[in-house]
PDB file of all heavy atoms in Angstrom:
ATOM      1  N   GLU A   1     -13.431 -44.696 -35.598  1.00  0.00           N
ATOM      2  CA  GLU A   1     -14.115 -43.432 -35.355  1.00  0.00           C
ATOM      3  C   GLU A   1     -13.139 -42.450 -34.642  1.00  0.00           C
ATOM      4  O   GLU A   1     -12.460 -42.851 -33.697  1.00  0.00           O
ATOM      5  CB  GLU A   1     -15.346 -43.575 -34.510  1.00  0.00           C
ATOM      6  CG  GLU A   1     -16.103 -42.310 -34.246  1.00  0.00           C
ATOM      7  CD  GLU A   1     -17.332 -42.562 -33.367  1.00  0.00           C
ATOM      8  OE1 GLU A   1     -17.626 -43.737 -33.074  1.00  0.00           O
ATOM      9  OE2 GLU A   1     -17.989 -41.575 -33.021  1.00  0.00           O
ATOM     10  N   ALA A   2     -13.010 -41.220 -35.153  1.00  0.00           N
ATOM     11  CA  ALA A   2     -12.197 -40.236 -34.490  1.00  0.00           C
ATOM     12  C   ALA A   2     -12.853 -39.791 -33.206  1.00  0.00           C
ATOM     13  O   ALA A   2     -14.044 -39.580 -33.146  1.00  0.00           O
ATOM     14  CB  ALA A   2     -11.998 -39.056 -35.451  1.00  0.00           C
ATOM     15  N   THR A   3     -12.047 -39.650 -32.184  1.00  0.00           N
ATOM     16  CA  THR A   3     -12.515 -39.136 -30.850  1.00  0.00           C
ATOM     17  C   THR A   3     -11.644 -38.031 -30.411  1.00  0.00           C
ATOM     18  O   THR A   3     -10.647 -37.680 -31.063  1.00  0.00           O
ATOM     19  CB  THR A   3     -12.456 -40.301 -29.825  1.00  0.00           C
ATOM     20  OG1 THR A   3     -11.067 -40.582 -29.512  1.00  0.00           O
ATOM     21  CG2 THR A   3     -13.150 -41.575 -30.352  1.00  0.00           C
ATOM     22  N   ASP A   4     -12.079 -37.409 -29.295  1.00  0.00           N
ATOM     23  CA  ASP A   4     -11.281 -36.293 -28.745  1.00  0.00           C
ATOM     24  C   ASP A   4      -9.799 -36.682 -28.499  1.00  0.00           C
ATOM     25  O   ASP A   4      -8.909 -35.875 -28.614  1.00  0.00           O
ATOM     26  CB  ASP A   4     -11.908 -35.775 -27.490  1.00  0.00           C
ATOM     27  CG  ASP A   4     -13.248 -35.077 -27.717  1.00  0.00           C
ATOM     28  OD1 ASP A   4     -13.503 -34.653 -28.850  1.00  0.00           O
ATOM     29  OD2 ASP A   4     -14.050 -34.936 -26.742  1.00  0.00           O
ATOM     30  N   ARG A   5      -9.629 -37.950 -28.110  1.00  0.00           N
ATOM     31  CA  ARG A   5      -8.247 -38.428 -27.804  1.00  0.00           C
ATOM     32  C   ARG A   5      -7.485 -38.832 -29.003  1.00  0.00           C
ATOM     33  O   ARG A   5      -6.253 -38.962 -28.933  1.00  0.00           O
ATOM     34  CB  ARG A   5      -8.320 -39.574 -26.761  1.00  0.00           C
ATOM     35  CG  ARG A   5      -8.893 -39.182 -25.425  1.00  0.00           C
ATOM     36  CD  ARG A   5      -8.584 -40.168 -24.340  1.00  0.00           C
ATOM     37  NE  ARG A   5      -9.191 -41.519 -24.584  1.00  0.00           N
ATOM     38  CZ  ARG A   5      -9.113 -42.535 -23.729  1.00  0.00           C
ATOM     39  NH1 ARG A   5      -8.412 -42.384 -22.626  1.00  0.00           N
ATOM     40  NH2 ARG A   5      -9.768 -43.690 -23.959  1.00  0.00           N
ATOM     41  N   THR A   6      -8.115 -39.080 -30.123  1.00  0.00           N
ATOM     42  CA  THR A   6      -7.387 -39.573 -31.302  1.00  0.00           C
ATOM     43  C   THR A   6      -7.234 -38.489 -32.368  1.00  0.00           C
ATOM     44  O   THR A   6      -6.622 -38.803 -33.414  1.00  0.00           O
ATOM     45  CB  THR A   6      -8.081 -40.785 -31.880  1.00  0.00           C
ATOM     46  OG1 THR A   6      -9.413 -40.514 -32.312  1.00  0.00           O
ATOM     47  CG2 THR A   6      -8.169 -41.921 -30.853  1.00  0.00           C
ATOM     48  N   VAL A   7      -7.801 -37.299 -32.172  1.00  0.00           N
ATOM     49  CA  VAL A   7      -7.592 -36.272 -33.171  1.00  0.00           C
ATOM     50  C   VAL A   7      -6.441 -35.403 -32.711  1.00  0.00           C
ATOM     51  O   VAL A   7      -6.454 -34.839 -31.645  1.00  0.00           O
ATOM     52  CB  VAL A   7      -8.878 -35.391 -33.272  1.00  0.00           C
ATOM     53  CG1 VAL A   7      -8.584 -34.205 -34.207  1.00  0.00           C
ATOM     54  CG2 VAL A   7     -10.045 -36.204 -33.821  1.00  0.00           C
ATOM     55  N   PRO A   8      -5.343 -35.332 -33.522  1.00  0.00           N
ATOM     56  CA  PRO A   8      -4.175 -34.563 -33.083  1.00  0.00           C
ATOM     57  C   PRO A   8      -4.413 -33.111 -33.002  1.00  0.00           C
ATOM     58  O   PRO A   8      -5.293 -32.571 -33.789  1.00  0.00           O
ATOM     59  CB  PRO A   8      -3.123 -34.879 -34.144  1.00  0.00           C
ATOM     60  CG  PRO A   8      -3.909 -35.326 -35.339  1.00  0.00           C
ATOM     61  CD  PRO A   8      -5.154 -35.988 -34.801  1.00  0.00           C
ATOM     62  N   THR A   9      -3.763 -32.405 -32.150  1.00  0.00           N
ATOM     63  CA  THR A   9      -3.951 -30.997 -32.011  1.00  0.00           C
ATOM     64  C   THR A   9      -3.156 -30.227 -33.061  1.00  0.00           C
ATOM     65  O   THR A   9      -3.474 -29.070 -33.380  1.00  0.00           O
ATOM     66  CB  THR A   9      -3.476 -30.463 -30.596  1.00  0.00           C
ATOM     67  OG1 THR A   9      -2.098 -30.894 -30.364  1.00  0.00           O
ATOM     68  CG2 THR A   9      -4.373 -31.074 -29.517  1.00  0.00           C
ATOM     69  N   ARG A  10      -2.129 -30.860 -33.660  1.00  0.00           N
ATOM     70  CA  ARG A  10      -1.304 -30.241 -34.707  1.00  0.00           C
ATOM     71  C   ARG A  10      -1.285 -31.150 -35.897  1.00  0.00           C
ATOM     72  O   ARG A  10      -1.333 -32.405 -35.754  1.00  0.00           O
ATOM     73  CB  ARG A  10       0.079 -29.953 -34.244  1.00  0.00           C
ATOM     74  CG  ARG A  10       0.229 -28.889 -33.104  1.00  0.00           C
ATOM     75  CD  ARG A  10       1.671 -28.597 -32.779  1.00  0.00           C
ATOM     76  NE  ARG A  10       2.363 -27.965 -33.904  1.00  0.00           N
ATOM     77  CZ  ARG A  10       3.275 -28.527 -34.634  1.00  0.00           C
ATOM     78  NH1 ARG A  10       3.584 -29.767 -34.420  1.00  0.00           N
ATOM     79  NH2 ARG A  10       3.876 -27.837 -35.599  1.00  0.00           N
ATOM     80  N   SER A  11      -1.163 -30.585 -37.107  1.00  0.00           N
ATOM     81  CA  SER A  11      -1.022 -31.357 -38.343  1.00  0.00           C
ATOM     82  C   SER A  11      -2.131 -32.428 -38.473  1.00  0.00           C
ATOM     83  O   SER A  11      -1.853 -33.606 -38.715  1.00  0.00           O
ATOM     84  CB  SER A  11       0.344 -31.999 -38.435  1.00  0.00           C
ATOM     85  OG  SER A  11       1.379 -31.058 -38.342  1.00  0.00           O
ATOM     86  N   ARG A  12      -3.331 -31.947 -38.327  1.00  0.00           N
ATOM     87  CA  ARG A  12      -4.471 -32.917 -38.409  1.00  0.00           C
ATOM     88  C   ARG A  12      -4.534 -33.551 -39.760  1.00  0.00           C
ATOM     89  O   ARG A  12      -5.151 -34.696 -39.886  1.00  0.00           O
ATOM     90  CB  ARG A  12      -5.761 -32.187 -38.092  1.00  0.00           C
ATOM     91  CG  ARG A  12      -5.887 -31.705 -36.648  1.00  0.00           C
ATOM     92  CD  ARG A  12      -7.255 -31.216 -36.346  1.00  0.00           C
ATOM     93  NE  ARG A  12      -7.338 -30.751 -34.942  1.00  0.00           N
ATOM     94  CZ  ARG A  12      -8.469 -30.417 -34.319  1.00  0.00           C
ATOM     95  NH1 ARG A  12      -9.622 -30.536 -34.989  1.00  0.00           N
ATOM     96  NH2 ARG A  12      -8.489 -30.064 -33.066  1.00  0.00           N
ATOM     97  N   ASP A  13      -4.004 -32.960 -40.817  1.00  0.00           N
ATOM     98  CA  ASP A  13      -4.065 -33.557 -42.153  1.00  0.00           C
ATOM     99  C   ASP A  13      -3.232 -34.826 -42.231  1.00  0.00           C
ATOM    100  O   ASP A  13      -3.340 -35.576 -43.186  1.00  0.00           O
ATOM    101  CB  ASP A  13      -3.586 -32.508 -43.175  1.00  0.00           C
ATOM    102  CG  ASP A  13      -2.166 -32.053 -42.900  1.00  0.00           C
ATOM    103  OD1 ASP A  13      -1.927 -31.580 -41.779  1.00  0.00           O
ATOM    104  OD2 ASP A  13      -1.324 -32.137 -43.793  1.00  0.00           O
ATOM    105  N   ARG A  14      -2.332 -35.041 -41.282  1.00  0.00           N
ATOM    106  CA  ARG A  14      -1.540 -36.218 -41.278  1.00  0.00           C
ATOM    107  C   ARG A  14      -2.167 -37.440 -40.573  1.00  0.00           C
ATOM    108  O   ARG A  14      -1.647 -38.544 -40.615  1.00  0.00           O
ATOM    109  CB  ARG A  14      -0.197 -35.945 -40.596  1.00  0.00           C
ATOM    110  CG  ARG A  14       0.651 -34.877 -41.308  1.00  0.00           C
ATOM    111  CD  ARG A  14       1.981 -34.640 -40.589  1.00  0.00           C
ATOM    112  NE  ARG A  14       2.756 -33.561 -41.160  1.00  0.00           N
ATOM    113  CZ  ARG A  14       3.860 -33.106 -40.675  1.00  0.00           C
ATOM    114  NH1 ARG A  14       4.394 -33.607 -39.546  1.00  0.00           N
ATOM    115  NH2 ARG A  14       4.515 -32.156 -41.319  1.00  0.00           N
ATOM    116  N   ALA A  15      -3.324 -37.239 -39.971  1.00  0.00           N
ATOM    117  CA  ALA A  15      -3.950 -38.308 -39.253  1.00  0.00           C
ATOM    118  C   ALA A  15      -4.718 -39.230 -40.221  1.00  0.00           C
ATOM    119  O   ALA A  15      -5.216 -38.795 -41.265  1.00  0.00           O
ATOM    120  CB  ALA A  15      -4.984 -37.712 -38.247  1.00  0.00           C
ATOM    121  N   ARG A  16      -4.711 -40.503 -39.890  1.00  0.00           N
ATOM    122  CA  ARG A  16      -5.438 -41.493 -40.665  1.00  0.00           C
ATOM    123  C   ARG A  16      -6.185 -42.413 -39.691  1.00  0.00           C
ATOM    124  O   ARG A  16      -5.706 -42.729 -38.621  1.00  0.00           O
ATOM    125  CB  ARG A  16      -4.453 -42.386 -41.502  1.00  0.00           C
ATOM    126  CG  ARG A  16      -3.572 -41.620 -42.472  1.00  0.00           C
ATOM    127  CD  ARG A  16      -4.336 -41.099 -43.656  1.00  0.00           C
ATOM    128  NE  ARG A  16      -3.443 -40.494 -44.633  1.00  0.00           N
ATOM    129  CZ  ARG A  16      -3.004 -39.251 -44.586  1.00  0.00           C
ATOM    130  NH1 ARG A  16      -3.419 -38.443 -43.567  1.00  0.00           N
ATOM    131  NH2 ARG A  16      -2.227 -38.778 -45.522  1.00  0.00           N
ATOM    132  N   TYR A  17      -7.362 -42.859 -40.120  1.00  0.00           N
ATOM    133  CA  TYR A  17      -8.219 -43.735 -39.318  1.00  0.00           C
ATOM    134  C   TYR A  17      -8.634 -45.007 -40.012  1.00  0.00           C
ATOM    135  O   TYR A  17      -9.287 -45.803 -39.407  1.00  0.00           O
ATOM    136  CB  TYR A  17      -9.455 -42.944 -38.849  1.00  0.00           C
ATOM    137  CG  TYR A  17      -9.116 -41.712 -38.090  1.00  0.00           C
ATOM    138  CD1 TYR A  17      -8.995 -40.472 -38.686  1.00  0.00           C
ATOM    139  CD2 TYR A  17      -8.813 -41.762 -36.719  1.00  0.00           C
ATOM    140  CE1 TYR A  17      -8.679 -39.314 -37.979  1.00  0.00           C
ATOM    141  CE2 TYR A  17      -8.504 -40.621 -35.984  1.00  0.00           C
ATOM    142  CZ  TYR A  17      -8.400 -39.378 -36.621  1.00  0.00           C
ATOM    143  OH  TYR A  17      -8.075 -38.279 -35.878  1.00  0.00           O
ATOM    144  N   ASP A  18      -8.236 -45.189 -41.280  1.00  0.00           N
ATOM    145  CA  ASP A  18      -8.635 -46.369 -41.986  1.00  0.00           C
ATOM    146  C   ASP A  18      -7.863 -47.555 -41.437  1.00  0.00           C
ATOM    147  O   ASP A  18      -6.681 -47.503 -41.089  1.00  0.00           O
ATOM    148  CB  ASP A  18      -8.394 -46.192 -43.475  1.00  0.00           C
ATOM    149  CG  ASP A  18      -6.923 -45.984 -43.830  1.00  0.00           C
ATOM    150  OD1 ASP A  18      -6.418 -44.866 -43.579  1.00  0.00           O
ATOM    151  OD2 ASP A  18      -6.270 -46.950 -44.330  1.00  0.00           O
ATOM    152  N   ARG A  19      -8.540 -48.693 -41.423  1.00  0.00           N
ATOM    153  CA  ARG A  19      -7.942 -49.914 -40.829  1.00  0.00           C
ATOM    154  C   ARG A  19      -6.747 -50.392 -41.604  1.00  0.00           C
ATOM    155  O   ARG A  19      -5.746 -50.896 -41.026  1.00  0.00           O
ATOM    156  CB  ARG A  19      -9.037 -51.033 -40.819  1.00  0.00           C
ATOM    157  CG  ARG A  19      -9.896 -50.946 -39.540  1.00  0.00           C
ATOM    158  CD  ARG A  19     -10.991 -52.015 -39.597  1.00  0.00           C
ATOM    159  NE  ARG A  19     -11.672 -52.119 -38.345  1.00  0.00           N
ATOM    160  CZ  ARG A  19     -12.525 -51.196 -37.873  1.00  0.00           C
ATOM    161  NH1 ARG A  19     -12.827 -50.162 -38.631  1.00  0.00           N
ATOM    162  NH2 ARG A  19     -13.088 -51.368 -36.683  1.00  0.00           N
ATOM    163  N   ASP A  20      -6.771 -50.292 -42.958  1.00  0.00           N
ATOM    164  CA  ASP A  20      -5.625 -50.775 -43.722  1.00  0.00           C
ATOM    165  C   ASP A  20      -4.323 -50.068 -43.298  1.00  0.00           C
ATOM    166  O   ASP A  20      -3.256 -50.714 -43.176  1.00  0.00           O
ATOM    167  CB  ASP A  20      -5.868 -50.569 -45.227  1.00  0.00           C
ATOM    168  CG  ASP A  20      -6.913 -51.534 -45.800  1.00  0.00           C
ATOM    169  OD1 ASP A  20      -7.213 -52.501 -45.125  1.00  0.00           O
ATOM    170  OD2 ASP A  20      -7.406 -51.242 -46.938  1.00  0.00           O
ATOM    171  N   THR A  21      -4.368 -48.761 -43.129  1.00  0.00           N
ATOM    172  CA  THR A  21      -3.222 -47.999 -42.764  1.00  0.00           C
ATOM    173  C   THR A  21      -2.773 -48.372 -41.342  1.00  0.00           C
ATOM    174  O   THR A  21      -1.585 -48.649 -41.068  1.00  0.00           O
ATOM    175  CB  THR A  21      -3.455 -46.492 -42.821  1.00  0.00           C
ATOM    176  OG1 THR A  21      -3.756 -46.129 -44.218  1.00  0.00           O
ATOM    177  CG2 THR A  21      -2.266 -45.687 -42.366  1.00  0.00           C
ATOM    178  N   VAL A  22      -3.747 -48.397 -40.421  1.00  0.00           N
ATOM    179  CA  VAL A  22      -3.399 -48.693 -39.008  1.00  0.00           C
ATOM    180  C   VAL A  22      -2.842 -50.064 -38.859  1.00  0.00           C
ATOM    181  O   VAL A  22      -1.817 -50.291 -38.248  1.00  0.00           O
ATOM    182  CB  VAL A  22      -4.650 -48.571 -38.139  1.00  0.00           C
ATOM    183  CG1 VAL A  22      -4.480 -49.115 -36.743  1.00  0.00           C
ATOM    184  CG2 VAL A  22      -5.118 -47.074 -38.052  1.00  0.00           C
ATOM    185  N   HIS A  23      -3.441 -51.056 -39.468  1.00  0.00           N
ATOM    186  CA  HIS A  23      -3.004 -52.464 -39.393  1.00  0.00           C
ATOM    187  C   HIS A  23      -1.637 -52.646 -40.003  1.00  0.00           C
ATOM    188  O   HIS A  23      -0.796 -53.379 -39.480  1.00  0.00           O
ATOM    189  CB  HIS A  23      -4.010 -53.409 -39.987  1.00  0.00           C
ATOM    190  CG  HIS A  23      -5.320 -53.504 -39.278  1.00  0.00           C
ATOM    191  ND1 HIS A  23      -6.356 -54.285 -39.683  1.00  0.00           N
ATOM    192  CD2 HIS A  23      -5.751 -52.901 -38.149  1.00  0.00           C
ATOM    193  CE1 HIS A  23      -7.351 -54.176 -38.805  1.00  0.00           C
ATOM    194  NE2 HIS A  23      -6.991 -53.363 -37.883  1.00  0.00           N
ATOM    195  N   ALA A  24      -1.384 -51.956 -41.115  1.00  0.00           N
ATOM    196  CA  ALA A  24      -0.115 -52.154 -41.781  1.00  0.00           C
ATOM    197  C   ALA A  24       1.053 -51.568 -40.934  1.00  0.00           C
ATOM    198  O   ALA A  24       2.129 -52.211 -40.788  1.00  0.00           O
ATOM    199  CB  ALA A  24      -0.072 -51.387 -43.142  1.00  0.00           C
ATOM    200  N   ILE A  25       0.813 -50.465 -40.253  1.00  0.00           N
ATOM    201  CA  ILE A  25       1.839 -49.890 -39.347  1.00  0.00           C
ATOM    202  C   ILE A  25       2.055 -50.830 -38.162  1.00  0.00           C
ATOM    203  O   ILE A  25       3.183 -51.059 -37.804  1.00  0.00           O
ATOM    204  CB  ILE A  25       1.359 -48.486 -38.892  1.00  0.00           C
ATOM    205  CG1 ILE A  25       1.393 -47.521 -40.092  1.00  0.00           C
ATOM    206  CG2 ILE A  25       2.315 -47.983 -37.787  1.00  0.00           C
ATOM    207  CD1 ILE A  25       0.767 -46.152 -39.754  1.00  0.00           C
ATOM    208  N   LEU A  26       0.977 -51.314 -37.588  1.00  0.00           N
ATOM    209  CA  LEU A  26       1.145 -52.221 -36.415  1.00  0.00           C
ATOM    210  C   LEU A  26       1.806 -53.499 -36.814  1.00  0.00           C
ATOM    211  O   LEU A  26       2.701 -53.982 -36.100  1.00  0.00           O
ATOM    212  CB  LEU A  26      -0.229 -52.528 -35.857  1.00  0.00           C
ATOM    213  CG  LEU A  26      -1.002 -51.345 -35.184  1.00  0.00           C
ATOM    214  CD1 LEU A  26      -2.389 -51.789 -34.796  1.00  0.00           C
ATOM    215  CD2 LEU A  26      -0.229 -50.850 -33.957  1.00  0.00           C
ATOM    216  N   ASP A  27       1.439 -54.085 -37.988  1.00  0.00           N
ATOM    217  CA  ASP A  27       1.939 -55.385 -38.350  1.00  0.00           C
ATOM    218  C   ASP A  27       3.405 -55.359 -38.741  1.00  0.00           C
ATOM    219  O   ASP A  27       4.080 -56.412 -38.742  1.00  0.00           O
ATOM    220  CB  ASP A  27       1.139 -55.973 -39.464  1.00  0.00           C
ATOM    221  CG  ASP A  27      -0.303 -56.335 -39.045  1.00  0.00           C
ATOM    222  OD1 ASP A  27      -0.558 -56.304 -37.795  1.00  0.00           O
ATOM    223  OD2 ASP A  27      -1.161 -56.560 -39.880  1.00  0.00           O
ATOM    224  N   GLU A  28       3.931 -54.213 -39.097  1.00  0.00           N
ATOM    225  CA  GLU A  28       5.349 -54.087 -39.470  1.00  0.00           C
ATOM    226  C   GLU A  28       6.221 -53.970 -38.278  1.00  0.00           C
ATOM    227  O   GLU A  28       7.471 -54.126 -38.339  1.00  0.00           O
ATOM    228  CB  GLU A  28       5.532 -52.885 -40.425  1.00  0.00           C
ATOM    229  CG  GLU A  28       6.918 -52.818 -41.064  1.00  0.00           C
ATOM    230  CD  GLU A  28       7.070 -51.654 -42.016  1.00  0.00           C
ATOM    231  OE1 GLU A  28       6.042 -51.266 -42.658  1.00  0.00           O
ATOM    232  OE2 GLU A  28       8.183 -51.092 -42.123  1.00  0.00           O
ATOM    233  N   ALA A  29       5.597 -53.724 -37.100  1.00  0.00           N
ATOM    234  CA  ALA A  29       6.382 -53.540 -35.863  1.00  0.00           C
ATOM    235  C   ALA A  29       6.229 -54.749 -34.973  1.00  0.00           C
ATOM    236  O   ALA A  29       5.341 -55.567 -35.126  1.00  0.00           O
ATOM    237  CB  ALA A  29       5.914 -52.305 -35.145  1.00  0.00           C
ATOM    238  N   TYR A  30       7.151 -54.861 -34.008  1.00  0.00           N
ATOM    239  CA  TYR A  30       7.003 -55.866 -32.952  1.00  0.00           C
ATOM    240  C   TYR A  30       7.360 -55.299 -31.576  1.00  0.00           C
ATOM    241  O   TYR A  30       7.320 -56.001 -30.562  1.00  0.00           O
ATOM    242  CB  TYR A  30       7.788 -57.109 -33.276  1.00  0.00           C
ATOM    243  CG  TYR A  30       9.209 -56.926 -33.719  1.00  0.00           C
ATOM    244  CD1 TYR A  30      10.210 -56.599 -32.848  1.00  0.00           C
ATOM    245  CD2 TYR A  30       9.485 -57.112 -35.081  1.00  0.00           C
ATOM    246  CE1 TYR A  30      11.489 -56.438 -33.298  1.00  0.00           C
ATOM    247  CE2 TYR A  30      10.792 -56.944 -35.543  1.00  0.00           C
ATOM    248  CZ  TYR A  30      11.816 -56.608 -34.619  1.00  0.00           C
ATOM    249  OH  TYR A  30      13.090 -56.441 -35.085  1.00  0.00           O
ATOM    250  N   VAL A  31       7.735 -54.011 -31.500  1.00  0.00           N
ATOM    251  CA  VAL A  31       8.001 -53.360 -30.241  1.00  0.00           C
ATOM    252  C   VAL A  31       7.026 -52.152 -30.110  1.00  0.00           C
ATOM    253  O   VAL A  31       6.937 -51.366 -31.076  1.00  0.00           O
ATOM    254  CB  VAL A  31       9.458 -52.867 -30.146  1.00  0.00           C
ATOM    255  CG1 VAL A  31       9.621 -52.023 -28.836  1.00  0.00           C
ATOM    256  CG2 VAL A  31      10.427 -54.051 -30.134  1.00  0.00           C
ATOM    257  N   CYS A  32       6.382 -52.094 -29.029  1.00  0.00           N
ATOM    258  CA  CYS A  32       5.488 -50.956 -28.777  1.00  0.00           C
ATOM    259  C   CYS A  32       5.883 -50.291 -27.427  1.00  0.00           C
ATOM    260  O   CYS A  32       6.734 -50.850 -26.720  1.00  0.00           O
ATOM    261  CB  CYS A  32       4.020 -51.386 -28.708  1.00  0.00           C
ATOM    262  SG  CYS A  32       3.578 -52.404 -27.254  1.00  0.00           S
ATOM    263  N   HIS A  33       5.286 -49.174 -27.108  1.00  0.00           N
ATOM    264  CA  HIS A  33       5.473 -48.559 -25.776  1.00  0.00           C
ATOM    265  C   HIS A  33       4.125 -48.514 -25.103  1.00  0.00           C
ATOM    266  O   HIS A  33       3.170 -47.979 -25.677  1.00  0.00           O
ATOM    267  CB  HIS A  33       6.086 -47.198 -25.943  1.00  0.00           C
ATOM    268  CG  HIS A  33       7.507 -47.228 -26.278  1.00  0.00           C
ATOM    269  ND1 HIS A  33       7.985 -47.355 -27.578  1.00  0.00           N
ATOM    270  CD2 HIS A  33       8.641 -47.116 -25.488  1.00  0.00           C
ATOM    271  CE1 HIS A  33       9.334 -47.390 -27.577  1.00  0.00           C
ATOM    272  NE2 HIS A  33       9.726 -47.231 -26.302  1.00  0.00           N
ATOM    273  N   LEU A  34       4.093 -49.110 -23.947  1.00  0.00           N
ATOM    274  CA  LEU A  34       2.853 -49.275 -23.144  1.00  0.00           C
ATOM    275  C   LEU A  34       2.882 -48.230 -22.023  1.00  0.00           C
ATOM    276  O   LEU A  34       3.734 -48.295 -21.156  1.00  0.00           O
ATOM    277  CB  LEU A  34       2.776 -50.695 -22.588  1.00  0.00           C
ATOM    278  CG  LEU A  34       1.608 -50.986 -21.604  1.00  0.00           C
ATOM    279  CD1 LEU A  34       0.295 -50.896 -22.329  1.00  0.00           C
ATOM    280  CD2 LEU A  34       1.828 -52.344 -20.975  1.00  0.00           C
ATOM    281  N   GLY A  35       1.973 -47.259 -22.072  1.00  0.00           N
ATOM    282  CA  GLY A  35       1.867 -46.237 -21.046  1.00  0.00           C
ATOM    283  C   GLY A  35       0.685 -46.426 -20.112  1.00  0.00           C
ATOM    284  O   GLY A  35      -0.430 -46.844 -20.582  1.00  0.00           O
ATOM    285  N   PHE A  36       0.920 -46.232 -18.857  1.00  0.00           N
ATOM    286  CA  PHE A  36      -0.151 -46.319 -17.858  1.00  0.00           C
ATOM    287  C   PHE A  36       0.265 -45.494 -16.627  1.00  0.00           C
ATOM    288  O   PHE A  36       1.372 -44.936 -16.586  1.00  0.00           O
ATOM    289  CB  PHE A  36      -0.404 -47.815 -17.442  1.00  0.00           C
ATOM    290  CG  PHE A  36       0.825 -48.488 -16.914  1.00  0.00           C
ATOM    291  CD1 PHE A  36       1.073 -48.603 -15.573  1.00  0.00           C
ATOM    292  CD2 PHE A  36       1.775 -49.021 -17.797  1.00  0.00           C
ATOM    293  CE1 PHE A  36       2.195 -49.256 -15.093  1.00  0.00           C
ATOM    294  CE2 PHE A  36       2.910 -49.643 -17.294  1.00  0.00           C
ATOM    295  CZ  PHE A  36       3.128 -49.745 -15.970  1.00  0.00           C
ATOM    296  N   VAL A  37      -0.637 -45.381 -15.669  1.00  0.00           N
ATOM    297  CA  VAL A  37      -0.376 -44.604 -14.433  1.00  0.00           C
ATOM    298  C   VAL A  37      -0.231 -45.559 -13.309  1.00  0.00           C
ATOM    299  O   VAL A  37      -1.083 -46.444 -13.060  1.00  0.00           O
ATOM    300  CB  VAL A  37      -1.532 -43.635 -14.158  1.00  0.00           C
ATOM    301  CG1 VAL A  37      -1.243 -42.939 -12.818  1.00  0.00           C
ATOM    302  CG2 VAL A  37      -1.607 -42.567 -15.274  1.00  0.00           C
ATOM    303  N   ARG A  38       0.914 -45.460 -12.576  1.00  0.00           N
ATOM    304  CA  ARG A  38       1.166 -46.302 -11.422  1.00  0.00           C
ATOM    305  C   ARG A  38       1.463 -45.402 -10.197  1.00  0.00           C
ATOM    306  O   ARG A  38       2.350 -44.593 -10.231  1.00  0.00           O
ATOM    307  CB  ARG A  38       2.364 -47.232 -11.670  1.00  0.00           C
ATOM    308  CG  ARG A  38       2.684 -48.195 -10.533  1.00  0.00           C
ATOM    309  CD  ARG A  38       3.833 -49.071 -10.877  1.00  0.00           C
ATOM    310  NE  ARG A  38       5.074 -48.381 -10.933  1.00  0.00           N
ATOM    311  CZ  ARG A  38       6.189 -48.804 -11.522  1.00  0.00           C
ATOM    312  NH1 ARG A  38       6.166 -49.935 -12.221  1.00  0.00           N
ATOM    313  NH2 ARG A  38       7.262 -48.077 -11.519  1.00  0.00           N
ATOM    314  N   ASP A  39       0.663 -45.589  -9.169  1.00  0.00           N
ATOM    315  CA  ASP A  39       0.818 -44.805  -7.937  1.00  0.00           C
ATOM    316  C   ASP A  39       0.778 -43.289  -8.202  1.00  0.00           C
ATOM    317  O   ASP A  39       1.590 -42.522  -7.690  1.00  0.00           O
ATOM    318  CB  ASP A  39       2.092 -45.183  -7.198  1.00  0.00           C
ATOM    319  CG  ASP A  39       2.136 -46.656  -6.800  1.00  0.00           C
ATOM    320  OD1 ASP A  39       1.066 -47.190  -6.531  1.00  0.00           O
ATOM    321  OD2 ASP A  39       3.275 -47.244  -6.759  1.00  0.00           O
TER     322      ASP A  39
END
């Protein structure tokens, strides 16, 4: 489901939400960037 945080502010036509696309991109990678707030 698209949410306020997952809908891009620019080039919205490039966004995809289907599982096949998302899973394929994730499964081809093995390095991610983990962002969080510390102090």
